[in-house]
Amino acid sequence: MSGAGSPDFFYRESQRLRYVARSAFKLLQMQEKYKLIKPGSSVLDLGCAPGAWLQVACQSLGPLKNGGAVVGIDIKKVKVPPTHCDARVKTFSADVMNLPKEKIRALSPENKGFSVILSDMCPSVSGITTRDAALSAELGMRALNLAVGEAALVSSDDNVEGKSQPDRSSSDKGHGGILLPGGNLVVKLLESEDVKEFSEACKPLFKKASWLRPKATRSCSREIYLICQGLRISVLMEGATVADLTKPEASDEAVALATSSNKVPALCQVGCVIMCLSRGAQIDWGCYFKCVVDNHCADP
């Protein structure tokens, strides 16, 4: 007999509850555990097909009177599901890898950005583990780039033989991301040796970063989700020392007070780490700490 952990259970439940896909239960679990989406939130769903996360996101906003918005973007054309969605949900067909950041920001309420960014993007699986993981990391890096700005302005293309670099507009080269201060980011990745380093690179940017493998994930899948909570605007705008940023107990207040002589833009520090990860290499700590000493990035 199938239990709550079996794939059949989640499929049957999605049919019964009128979700368009079993993946709805992944976001439902995240929402129950982390409370990522609050009433009135503005939510960006990257890789929104077939629309199950749009349904859960809209439900999480509460009644229509609470306000809020859900914007879904996918390379495929996705219709807004007829159930669990209302006028606050809109979808757009576009390639996120090539869509300028400012055009995405323009889709947010009052062009101010989003309070939650969900990335359920996944590459077409080839069966080649290293290639699939690299492509997944590239999509994850794009989501991080859109969220925080210049901190993630590097490409994962060096990991993928023969893949051309996406054509990003000049508007993507500024410091600002489209995730609002205090906002939350969810990124799907395929498990590989680099996922831990990816998490470590995100920790200075958010108050909390943790991993989750939802119960609704198929047993044969290698997907895992990085849940980043509370974007630290003080980190992005003010900068801090390595000591302040790497302390587990570091708070926004501590980061904001980091005004010593070795203060360095956190964007540059984190960028060094992410650059190494994007190239499939070990983190170049020499480059990282040179940022602290010389107040600039040593990466060529």
C-alpha atoms as a PDB file:
ATOM      1  CA  MET A   1       0.000   0.000   0.000  1.00  0.00           C
ATOM      2  CA  SER A   2       1.379   3.407  -0.942  1.00  0.00           C
ATOM      3  CA  GLY A   3       2.197   5.756   1.913  1.00  0.00           C
ATOM      4  CA  ALA A   4       2.728   9.491   2.269  1.00  0.00           C
ATOM      5  CA  GLY A   5       6.331   9.161   1.085  1.00  0.00           C
ATOM      6  CA  SER A   6       5.530   7.421  -2.182  1.00  0.00           C
ATOM      7  CA  PRO A   7       5.383   9.175  -5.556  1.00  0.00           C
ATOM      8  CA  ASP A   8       1.880   7.828  -6.138  1.00  0.00           C
ATOM      9  CA  PHE A   9       0.666   9.549  -3.007  1.00  0.00           C
ATOM     10  CA  PHE A  10       1.770  13.019  -4.134  1.00  0.00           C
ATOM     11  CA  TYR A  11       0.400  12.474  -7.625  1.00  0.00           C
ATOM     12  CA  ARG A  12      -2.993  11.440  -6.255  1.00  0.00           C
ATOM     13  CA  GLU A  13      -3.014  14.328  -3.816  1.00  0.00           C
ATOM     14  CA  SER A  14      -2.193  16.842  -6.552  1.00  0.00           C
ATOM     15  CA  GLN A  15      -5.126  15.522  -8.546  1.00  0.00           C
ATOM     16  CA  ARG A  16      -7.447  15.613  -5.561  1.00  0.00           C
ATOM     17  CA  LEU A  17      -6.447  19.133  -4.528  1.00  0.00           C
ATOM     18  CA  ARG A  18      -6.424  20.393  -8.130  1.00  0.00           C
ATOM     19  CA  TYR A  19      -2.766  21.300  -8.388  1.00  0.00           C
ATOM     20  CA  VAL A  20      -1.350  21.057 -11.885  1.00  0.00           C
ATOM     21  CA  ALA A  21       1.665  19.024 -10.721  1.00  0.00           C
ATOM     22  CA  ARG A  22       3.017  17.106  -7.736  1.00  0.00           C
ATOM     23  CA  SER A  23       5.771  19.729  -7.413  1.00  0.00           C
ATOM     24  CA  ALA A  24       3.245  21.898  -5.570  1.00  0.00           C
ATOM     25  CA  PHE A  25       3.988  19.853  -2.439  1.00  0.00           C
ATOM     26  CA  LYS A  26       7.657  20.838  -2.566  1.00  0.00           C
ATOM     27  CA  LEU A  27       6.817  24.517  -2.190  1.00  0.00           C
ATOM     28  CA  LEU A  28       4.054  23.728   0.297  1.00  0.00           C
ATOM     29  CA  GLN A  29       6.638  22.023   2.507  1.00  0.00           C
ATOM     30  CA  MET A  30       9.025  24.966   2.173  1.00  0.00           C
ATOM     31  CA  GLN A  31       6.255  27.394   2.998  1.00  0.00           C
ATOM     32  CA  GLU A  32       5.196  25.407   6.055  1.00  0.00           C
ATOM     33  CA  LYS A  33       8.767  25.148   7.350  1.00  0.00           C
ATOM     34  CA  TYR A  34      10.238  28.544   6.429  1.00  0.00           C
ATOM     35  CA  LYS A  35       7.239  30.886   5.912  1.00  0.00           C
ATOM     36  CA  LEU A  36       8.924  32.351   2.830  1.00  0.00           C
ATOM     37  CA  ILE A  37       5.825  34.012   1.364  1.00  0.00           C
ATOM     38  CA  LYS A  38       3.821  36.385   3.507  1.00  0.00           C
ATOM     39  CA  PRO A  39       0.570  38.243   2.799  1.00  0.00           C
ATOM     40  CA  GLY A  40       1.278  41.086   0.411  1.00  0.00           C
ATOM     41  CA  SER A  41       4.544  39.578  -0.876  1.00  0.00           C
ATOM     42  CA  SER A  42       5.744  40.063  -4.436  1.00  0.00           C
ATOM     43  CA  VAL A  43       6.890  36.697  -5.776  1.00  0.00           C
ATOM     44  CA  LEU A  44       8.977  35.892  -8.839  1.00  0.00           C
ATOM     45  CA  ASP A  45       8.800  32.276 -10.027  1.00  0.00           C
ATOM     46  CA  LEU A  46      11.646  31.421 -12.415  1.00  0.00           C
ATOM     47  CA  GLY A  47      11.016  28.290 -14.450  1.00  0.00           C
ATOM     48  CA  CYS A  48       7.333  28.388 -13.558  1.00  0.00           C
ATOM     49  CA  ALA A  49       6.088  25.590 -15.851  1.00  0.00           C
ATOM     50  CA  PRO A  50       3.705  23.864 -15.441  1.00  0.00           C
ATOM     51  CA  GLY A  51       2.351  26.311 -12.853  1.00  0.00           C
ATOM     52  CA  ALA A  52       2.067  24.410  -9.567  1.00  0.00           C
ATOM     53  CA  TRP A  53       4.337  26.846  -7.732  1.00  0.00           C
ATOM     54  CA  LEU A  54       2.248  29.735  -9.065  1.00  0.00           C
ATOM     55  CA  GLN A  55      -0.754  28.136  -7.386  1.00  0.00           C
ATOM     56  CA  VAL A  56       0.967  27.665  -4.036  1.00  0.00           C
ATOM     57  CA  ALA A  57       2.499  31.143  -4.145  1.00  0.00           C
ATOM     58  CA  CYS A  58      -0.873  32.760  -4.801  1.00  0.00           C
ATOM     59  CA  GLN A  59      -2.509  30.738  -2.034  1.00  0.00           C
ATOM     60  CA  SER A  60       0.227  31.856   0.342  1.00  0.00           C
ATOM     61  CA  LEU A  61      -0.590  35.514  -0.330  1.00  0.00           C
ATOM     62  CA  GLY A  62      -3.954  35.015   1.329  1.00  0.00           C
ATOM     63  CA  PRO A  63      -7.172  36.736   0.252  1.00  0.00           C
ATOM     64  CA  LEU A  64      -7.147  39.103  -2.688  1.00  0.00           C
ATOM     65  CA  LYS A  65      -7.638  42.050  -0.330  1.00  0.00           C
ATOM     66  CA  ASN A  66      -4.168  41.372   1.118  1.00  0.00           C
ATOM     67  CA  GLY A  67      -2.568  42.445  -2.140  1.00  0.00           C
ATOM     68  CA  GLY A  68       0.668  41.010  -3.426  1.00  0.00           C
ATOM     69  CA  ALA A  69       1.706  39.675  -6.812  1.00  0.00           C
ATOM     70  CA  VAL A  70       3.051  36.510  -8.422  1.00  0.00           C
ATOM     71  CA  VAL A  71       5.035  36.714 -11.652  1.00  0.00           C
ATOM     72  CA  GLY A  72       6.033  33.539 -13.470  1.00  0.00           C
ATOM     73  CA  ILE A  73       8.657  33.359 -16.209  1.00  0.00           C
ATOM     74  CA  ASP A  74       9.458  30.289 -18.269  1.00  0.00           C
ATOM     75  CA  ILE A  75      11.016  29.541 -21.626  1.00  0.00           C
ATOM     76  CA  LYS A  76       7.761  27.716 -22.367  1.00  0.00           C
ATOM     77  CA  LYS A  77       4.422  29.482 -22.628  1.00  0.00           C
ATOM     78  CA  VAL A  78       2.561  28.845 -19.374  1.00  0.00           C
ATOM     79  CA  LYS A  79      -1.101  29.585 -18.809  1.00  0.00           C
ATOM     80  CA  VAL A  80      -2.171  30.738 -15.375  1.00  0.00           C
ATOM     81  CA  PRO A  81      -3.833  27.700 -13.751  1.00  0.00           C
ATOM     82  CA  PRO A  82      -7.589  28.144 -13.339  1.00  0.00           C
ATOM     83  CA  THR A  83      -7.555  26.923  -9.732  1.00  0.00           C
ATOM     84  CA  HIS A  84      -5.816  28.462  -6.693  1.00  0.00           C
ATOM     85  CA  CYS A  85      -4.839  31.518  -8.764  1.00  0.00           C
ATOM     86  CA  ASP A  86      -6.426  34.928  -9.166  1.00  0.00           C
ATOM     87  CA  ALA A  87      -5.754  38.255 -10.890  1.00  0.00           C
ATOM     88  CA  ARG A  88      -2.510  38.684  -8.945  1.00  0.00           C
ATOM     89  CA  VAL A  89      -0.832  35.950 -11.018  1.00  0.00           C
ATOM     90  CA  LYS A  90       0.735  36.706 -14.383  1.00  0.00           C
ATOM     91  CA  THR A  91       3.049  34.679 -16.608  1.00  0.00           C
ATOM     92  CA  PHE A  92       5.561  35.616 -19.297  1.00  0.00           C
ATOM     93  CA  SER A  93       7.405  33.512 -21.831  1.00  0.00           C
ATOM     94  CA  ALA A  94      11.123  34.381 -22.025  1.00  0.00           C
ATOM     95  CA  ASP A  95      14.604  32.917 -21.635  1.00  0.00           C
ATOM     96  CA  VAL A  96      15.696  33.992 -18.156  1.00  0.00           C
ATOM     97  CA  MET A  97      19.346  33.535 -19.133  1.00  0.00           C
ATOM     98  CA  ASN A  98      19.068  36.332 -21.689  1.00  0.00           C
ATOM     99  CA  LEU A  99      16.358  38.524 -20.191  1.00  0.00           C
ATOM    100  CA  PRO A 100      17.824  41.812 -18.875  1.00  0.00           C
ATOM    101  CA  LYS A 101      17.483  42.296 -15.156  1.00  0.00           C
ATOM    102  CA  GLU A 102      15.726  45.638 -15.484  1.00  0.00           C
ATOM    103  CA  LYS A 103      13.045  44.113 -17.696  1.00  0.00           C
ATOM    104  CA  ILE A 104      12.354  41.580 -14.965  1.00  0.00           C
ATOM    105  CA  ARG A 105      12.332  44.311 -12.321  1.00  0.00           C
ATOM    106  CA  ALA A 106       9.762  46.170 -14.431  1.00  0.00           C
ATOM    107  CA  LEU A 107       7.376  43.247 -13.912  1.00  0.00           C
ATOM    108  CA  SER A 108       7.378  43.784 -10.144  1.00  0.00           C
ATOM    109  CA  PRO A 109       4.895  46.024  -8.309  1.00  0.00           C
ATOM    110  CA  GLU A 110       5.914  49.669  -8.805  1.00  0.00           C
ATOM    111  CA  ASN A 111       9.161  48.427 -10.397  1.00  0.00           C
ATOM    112  CA  LYS A 112      10.662  48.061  -6.914  1.00  0.00           C
ATOM    113  CA  GLY A 113      11.686  44.409  -7.084  1.00  0.00           C
ATOM    114  CA  PHE A 114      10.456  41.194  -5.474  1.00  0.00           C
ATOM    115  CA  SER A 115      10.324  40.081  -1.865  1.00  0.00           C
ATOM    116  CA  VAL A 116      10.610  36.404  -2.811  1.00  0.00           C
ATOM    117  CA  ILE A 117      12.412  34.781  -5.750  1.00  0.00           C
ATOM    118  CA  LEU A 118      11.785  31.109  -6.442  1.00  0.00           C
ATOM    119  CA  SER A 119      14.001  29.315  -8.950  1.00  0.00           C
ATOM    120  CA  ASP A 120      12.776  25.874  -9.924  1.00  0.00           C
ATOM    121  CA  MET A 121      14.726  26.026 -13.174  1.00  0.00           C
ATOM    122  CA  CYS A 122      16.271  22.766 -14.300  1.00  0.00           C
ATOM    123  CA  PRO A 123      18.249  21.908 -17.440  1.00  0.00           C
ATOM    124  CA  SER A 124      17.273  19.189 -19.866  1.00  0.00           C
ATOM    125  CA  VAL A 125      18.918  16.198 -18.246  1.00  0.00           C
ATOM    126  CA  SER A 126      21.438  14.462 -20.489  1.00  0.00           C
ATOM    127  CA  GLY A 127      22.365  11.652 -18.137  1.00  0.00           C
ATOM    128  CA  ILE A 128      25.953  12.887 -17.926  1.00  0.00           C
ATOM    129  CA  THR A 129      26.228  13.685 -14.230  1.00  0.00           C
ATOM    130  CA  THR A 130      28.943  16.344 -14.368  1.00  0.00           C
ATOM    131  CA  ARG A 131      27.397  18.120 -17.345  1.00  0.00           C
ATOM    132  CA  ASP A 132      23.929  18.161 -15.840  1.00  0.00           C
ATOM    133  CA  ALA A 133      25.292  19.463 -12.532  1.00  0.00           C
ATOM    134  CA  ALA A 134      27.204  22.237 -14.323  1.00  0.00           C
ATOM    135  CA  LEU A 135      24.138  23.299 -16.292  1.00  0.00           C
ATOM    136  CA  SER A 136      22.061  23.276 -13.109  1.00  0.00           C
ATOM    137  CA  ALA A 137      24.687  25.420 -11.369  1.00  0.00           C
ATOM    138  CA  GLU A 138      24.583  27.858 -14.283  1.00  0.00           C
ATOM    139  CA  LEU A 139      20.847  28.304 -13.826  1.00  0.00           C
ATOM    140  CA  GLY A 140      21.331  28.667 -10.085  1.00  0.00           C
ATOM    141  CA  MET A 141      24.013  31.300 -10.621  1.00  0.00           C
ATOM    142  CA  ARG A 142      21.663  33.243 -12.861  1.00  0.00           C
ATOM    143  CA  ALA A 143      18.990  33.235 -10.177  1.00  0.00           C
ATOM    144  CA  LEU A 144      21.532  34.434  -7.616  1.00  0.00           C
ATOM    145  CA  ASN A 145      22.776  37.105  -9.993  1.00  0.00           C
ATOM    146  CA  LEU A 146      19.266  38.417 -10.566  1.00  0.00           C
ATOM    147  CA  ALA A 147      18.588  38.414  -6.833  1.00  0.00           C
ATOM    148  CA  VAL A 148      21.685  40.151  -5.479  1.00  0.00           C
ATOM    149  CA  GLY A 149      23.304  41.819  -8.468  1.00  0.00           C
ATOM    150  CA  GLU A 150      27.019  42.097  -9.057  1.00  0.00           C
ATOM    151  CA  ALA A 151      27.865  39.579  -6.335  1.00  0.00           C
ATOM    152  CA  ALA A 152      26.848  36.834  -8.730  1.00  0.00           C
ATOM    153  CA  LEU A 153      27.837  38.461 -12.019  1.00  0.00           C
ATOM    154  CA  VAL A 154      29.894  35.557 -13.250  1.00  0.00           C
ATOM    155  CA  SER A 155      29.130  32.840 -15.766  1.00  0.00           C
ATOM    156  CA  SER A 156      29.204  29.086 -15.375  1.00  0.00           C
ATOM    157  CA  ASP A 157      29.945  28.558 -19.046  1.00  0.00           C
ATOM    158  CA  ASP A 158      33.585  27.547 -18.458  1.00  0.00           C
ATOM    159  CA  ASN A 159      32.213  24.370 -16.883  1.00  0.00           C
ATOM    160  CA  VAL A 160      30.276  23.427 -20.009  1.00  0.00           C
ATOM    161  CA  GLU A 161      32.274  22.565 -23.089  1.00  0.00           C
ATOM    162  CA  GLY A 162      31.027  24.244 -26.204  1.00  0.00           C
ATOM    163  CA  LYS A 163      28.304  26.286 -24.532  1.00  0.00           C
ATOM    164  CA  SER A 164      28.176  29.948 -25.493  1.00  0.00           C
ATOM    165  CA  GLN A 165      27.876  32.671 -22.880  1.00  0.00           C
ATOM    166  CA  PRO A 166      24.427  34.213 -22.517  1.00  0.00           C
ATOM    167  CA  ASP A 167      24.073  37.699 -23.902  1.00  0.00           C
ATOM    168  CA  ARG A 168      23.357  39.875 -20.900  1.00  0.00           C
ATOM    169  CA  SER A 169      22.516  43.519 -21.217  1.00  0.00           C
ATOM    170  CA  SER A 170      24.524  46.314 -19.633  1.00  0.00           C
ATOM    171  CA  SER A 171      21.726  46.765 -17.101  1.00  0.00           C
ATOM    172  CA  ASP A 172      22.821  43.482 -15.505  1.00  0.00           C
ATOM    173  CA  LYS A 173      26.240  44.903 -14.711  1.00  0.00           C
ATOM    174  CA  GLY A 174      25.150  47.175 -11.882  1.00  0.00           C
ATOM    175  CA  HIS A 175      25.378  46.326  -8.204  1.00  0.00           C
ATOM    176  CA  GLY A 176      21.648  46.152  -7.535  1.00  0.00           C
ATOM    177  CA  GLY A 177      19.647  42.951  -7.683  1.00  0.00           C
ATOM    178  CA  ILE A 178      15.894  42.613  -7.900  1.00  0.00           C
ATOM    179  CA  LEU A 179      15.418  40.967  -4.491  1.00  0.00           C
ATOM    180  CA  LEU A 180      14.233  43.429  -1.869  1.00  0.00           C
ATOM    181  CA  PRO A 181      16.072  43.867   1.449  1.00  0.00           C
ATOM    182  CA  GLY A 182      15.079  41.076   3.811  1.00  0.00           C
ATOM    183  CA  GLY A 183      13.853  39.028   0.874  1.00  0.00           C
ATOM    184  CA  ASN A 184      14.041  35.271   0.408  1.00  0.00           C
ATOM    185  CA  LEU A 185      15.595  33.228  -2.398  1.00  0.00           C
ATOM    186  CA  VAL A 186      15.038  29.563  -3.277  1.00  0.00           C
ATOM    187  CA  VAL A 187      17.373  27.891  -5.774  1.00  0.00           C
ATOM    188  CA  LYS A 188      17.128  24.358  -7.129  1.00  0.00           C
ATOM    189  CA  LEU A 189      20.407  22.580  -7.869  1.00  0.00           C
ATOM    190  CA  LEU A 190      21.455  19.067  -8.755  1.00  0.00           C
ATOM    191  CA  GLU A 191      23.590  17.476  -6.068  1.00  0.00           C
ATOM    192  CA  SER A 192      27.292  17.606  -6.838  1.00  0.00           C
ATOM    193  CA  GLU A 193      30.597  18.316  -5.125  1.00  0.00           C
ATOM    194  CA  ASP A 194      30.065  22.063  -5.483  1.00  0.00           C
ATOM    195  CA  VAL A 195      26.703  22.487  -3.760  1.00  0.00           C
ATOM    196  CA  LYS A 196      28.271  23.019  -0.343  1.00  0.00           C
ATOM    197  CA  GLU A 197      30.532  25.733  -1.718  1.00  0.00           C
ATOM    198  CA  PHE A 198      27.530  27.337  -3.409  1.00  0.00           C
ATOM    199  CA  SER A 199      25.844  27.513  -0.022  1.00  0.00           C
ATOM    200  CA  GLU A 200      28.953  28.960   1.612  1.00  0.00           C
ATOM    201  CA  ALA A 201      29.088  31.672  -1.034  1.00  0.00           C
ATOM    202  CA  CYS A 202      25.488  32.659  -0.276  1.00  0.00           C
ATOM    203  CA  LYS A 203      25.791  32.758   3.506  1.00  0.00           C
ATOM    204  CA  PRO A 204      27.386  36.237   3.738  1.00  0.00           C
ATOM    205  CA  LEU A 205      24.525  37.642   1.682  1.00  0.00           C
ATOM    206  CA  PHE A 206      21.657  36.237   3.744  1.00  0.00           C
ATOM    207  CA  LYS A 207      20.846  35.843   7.409  1.00  0.00           C
ATOM    208  CA  LYS A 208      20.320  32.118   6.908  1.00  0.00           C
ATOM    209  CA  ALA A 209      21.016  29.584   4.159  1.00  0.00           C
ATOM    210  CA  SER A 210      19.972  25.953   4.475  1.00  0.00           C
ATOM    211  CA  TRP A 211      19.351  22.903   2.303  1.00  0.00           C
ATOM    212  CA  LEU A 212      16.123  20.998   1.841  1.00  0.00           C
ATOM    213  CA  ARG A 213      15.238  17.871  -0.080  1.00  0.00           C
ATOM    214  CA  PRO A 214      11.425  17.978  -0.138  1.00  0.00           C
ATOM    215  CA  LYS A 215       9.493  14.818   0.626  1.00  0.00           C
ATOM    216  CA  ALA A 216       7.750  15.058  -2.747  1.00  0.00           C
ATOM    217  CA  THR A 217      11.075  14.704  -4.582  1.00  0.00           C
ATOM    218  CA  ARG A 218      11.274  11.487  -6.575  1.00  0.00           C
ATOM    219  CA  SER A 219      13.706   8.957  -5.143  1.00  0.00           C
ATOM    220  CA  CYS A 220      15.686   8.849  -8.389  1.00  0.00           C
ATOM    221  CA  SER A 221      16.129  12.640  -8.520  1.00  0.00           C
ATOM    222  CA  ARG A 222      19.336  14.429  -7.467  1.00  0.00           C
ATOM    223  CA  GLU A 223      17.616  17.771  -7.004  1.00  0.00           C
ATOM    224  CA  ILE A 224      18.022  19.727  -3.798  1.00  0.00           C
ATOM    225  CA  TYR A 225      16.936  23.226  -2.807  1.00  0.00           C
ATOM    226  CA  LEU A 226      18.969  25.992  -1.200  1.00  0.00           C
ATOM    227  CA  ILE A 227      16.735  28.156   0.977  1.00  0.00           C
ATOM    228  CA  CYS A 228      18.220  31.634   1.532  1.00  0.00           C
ATOM    229  CA  GLN A 229      16.344  33.823   4.013  1.00  0.00           C
ATOM    230  CA  GLY A 230      16.682  37.514   4.811  1.00  0.00           C
ATOM    231  CA  LEU A 231      18.787  39.368   2.240  1.00  0.00           C
ATOM    232  CA  ARG A 232      21.321  41.491   4.124  1.00  0.00           C
ATOM    233  CA  ILE A 233      21.141  44.907   2.544  1.00  0.00           C
ATOM    234  CA  SER A 234      23.943  46.044   4.860  1.00  0.00           C
ATOM    235  CA  VAL A 235      26.215  43.419   3.324  1.00  0.00           C
ATOM    236  CA  LEU A 236      25.385  44.451  -0.196  1.00  0.00           C
ATOM    237  CA  MET A 237      25.575  48.190   0.297  1.00  0.00           C
ATOM    238  CA  GLU A 238      27.968  48.790   3.147  1.00  0.00           C
ATOM    239  CA  GLY A 239      30.497  45.932   3.016  1.00  0.00           C
ATOM    240  CA  ALA A 240      32.153  44.228   5.943  1.00  0.00           C
ATOM    241  CA  THR A 241      35.314  42.471   7.017  1.00  0.00           C
ATOM    242  CA  VAL A 242      35.779  38.758   6.415  1.00  0.00           C
ATOM    243  CA  ALA A 243      35.676  38.182  10.185  1.00  0.00           C
ATOM    244  CA  ASP A 244      32.305  39.883  10.503  1.00  0.00           C
ATOM    245  CA  LEU A 245      30.815  38.137   7.494  1.00  0.00           C
ATOM    246  CA  THR A 246      31.915  34.620   8.366  1.00  0.00           C
ATOM    247  CA  LYS A 247      30.830  34.561  11.995  1.00  0.00           C
ATOM    248  CA  PRO A 248      27.809  32.244  12.353  1.00  0.00           C
ATOM    249  CA  GLU A 249      26.275  34.703  14.780  1.00  0.00           C
ATOM    250  CA  ALA A 250      26.906  37.713  12.546  1.00  0.00           C
ATOM    251  CA  SER A 251      23.914  40.017  12.455  1.00  0.00           C
ATOM    252  CA  ASP A 252      22.915  42.895  10.227  1.00  0.00           C
ATOM    253  CA  GLU A 253      23.918  45.261  13.001  1.00  0.00           C
ATOM    254  CA  ALA A 254      27.388  43.719  13.295  1.00  0.00           C
ATOM    255  CA  VAL A 255      27.886  43.873   9.555  1.00  0.00           C
ATOM    256  CA  ALA A 256      26.753  47.476   9.400  1.00  0.00           C
ATOM    257  CA  LEU A 257      29.266  48.396  12.110  1.00  0.00           C
ATOM    258  CA  ALA A 258      32.185  46.856  10.210  1.00  0.00           C
ATOM    259  CA  THR A 259      34.023  50.067   9.422  1.00  0.00           C
ATOM    260  CA  SER A 260      37.605  49.106  10.150  1.00  0.00           C
ATOM    261  CA  SER A 261      40.524  49.767   7.790  1.00  0.00           C
ATOM    262  CA  ASN A 262      40.192  46.347   6.203  1.00  0.00           C
ATOM    263  CA  LYS A 263      36.618  47.008   5.181  1.00  0.00           C
ATOM    264  CA  VAL A 264      35.996  45.871   1.605  1.00  0.00           C
ATOM    265  CA  PRO A 265      32.898  45.673  -0.575  1.00  0.00           C
ATOM    266  CA  ALA A 266      31.285  42.332   0.221  1.00  0.00           C
ATOM    267  CA  LEU A 267      30.242  42.058  -3.414  1.00  0.00           C
ATOM    268  CA  CYS A 268      33.887  41.720  -4.397  1.00  0.00           C
ATOM    269  CA  GLN A 269      34.678  39.189  -1.688  1.00  0.00           C
ATOM    270  CA  VAL A 270      31.729  36.968  -2.462  1.00  0.00           C
ATOM    271  CA  GLY A 271      32.317  37.457  -6.167  1.00  0.00           C
ATOM    272  CA  CYS A 272      35.768  35.873  -5.827  1.00  0.00           C
ATOM    273  CA  VAL A 273      34.267  32.788  -4.227  1.00  0.00           C
ATOM    274  CA  ILE A 274      31.497  32.503  -6.793  1.00  0.00           C
ATOM    275  CA  MET A 275      33.949  33.046  -9.649  1.00  0.00           C
ATOM    276  CA  CYS A 276      35.942  30.018  -8.530  1.00  0.00           C
ATOM    277  CA  LEU A 277      32.821  27.897  -8.176  1.00  0.00           C
ATOM    278  CA  SER A 278      31.622  28.894 -11.633  1.00  0.00           C
ATOM    279  CA  ARG A 279      34.899  27.657 -13.117  1.00  0.00           C
ATOM    280  CA  GLY A 280      34.645  24.300 -11.406  1.00  0.00           C
ATOM    281  CA  ALA A 281      37.771  25.082  -9.393  1.00  0.00           C
ATOM    282  CA  GLN A 282      38.625  25.140  -5.732  1.00  0.00           C
ATOM    283  CA  ILE A 283      37.971  28.458  -4.014  1.00  0.00           C
ATOM    284  CA  ASP A 284      40.955  30.752  -4.525  1.00  0.00           C
ATOM    285  CA  TRP A 285      41.337  31.932  -0.937  1.00  0.00           C
ATOM    286  CA  GLY A 286      44.430  33.895  -1.912  1.00  0.00           C
ATOM    287  CA  CYS A 287      42.292  36.010  -4.216  1.00  0.00           C
ATOM    288  CA  TYR A 288      39.585  36.242  -1.561  1.00  0.00           C
ATOM    289  CA  PHE A 289      41.884  37.605   1.133  1.00  0.00           C
ATOM    290  CA  LYS A 290      43.710  39.880  -1.299  1.00  0.00           C
ATOM    291  CA  CYS A 291      40.376  41.656  -1.590  1.00  0.00           C
ATOM    292  CA  VAL A 292      40.550  42.344   2.132  1.00  0.00           C
ATOM    293  CA  VAL A 293      44.114  43.670   2.020  1.00  0.00           C
ATOM    294  CA  ASP A 294      44.060  45.640  -1.220  1.00  0.00           C
ATOM    295  CA  ASN A 295      40.359  46.531  -1.333  1.00  0.00           C
ATOM    296  CA  HIS A 296      40.018  45.215  -4.867  1.00  0.00           C
ATOM    297  CA  CYS A 297      39.551  41.891  -6.608  1.00  0.00           C
ATOM    298  CA  ALA A 298      42.758  40.128  -7.593  1.00  0.00           C
ATOM    299  CA  ASP A 299      41.028  37.881 -10.077  1.00  0.00           C
ATOM    300  CA  PRO A 300      42.179  38.660 -13.652  1.00  0.00           C
END
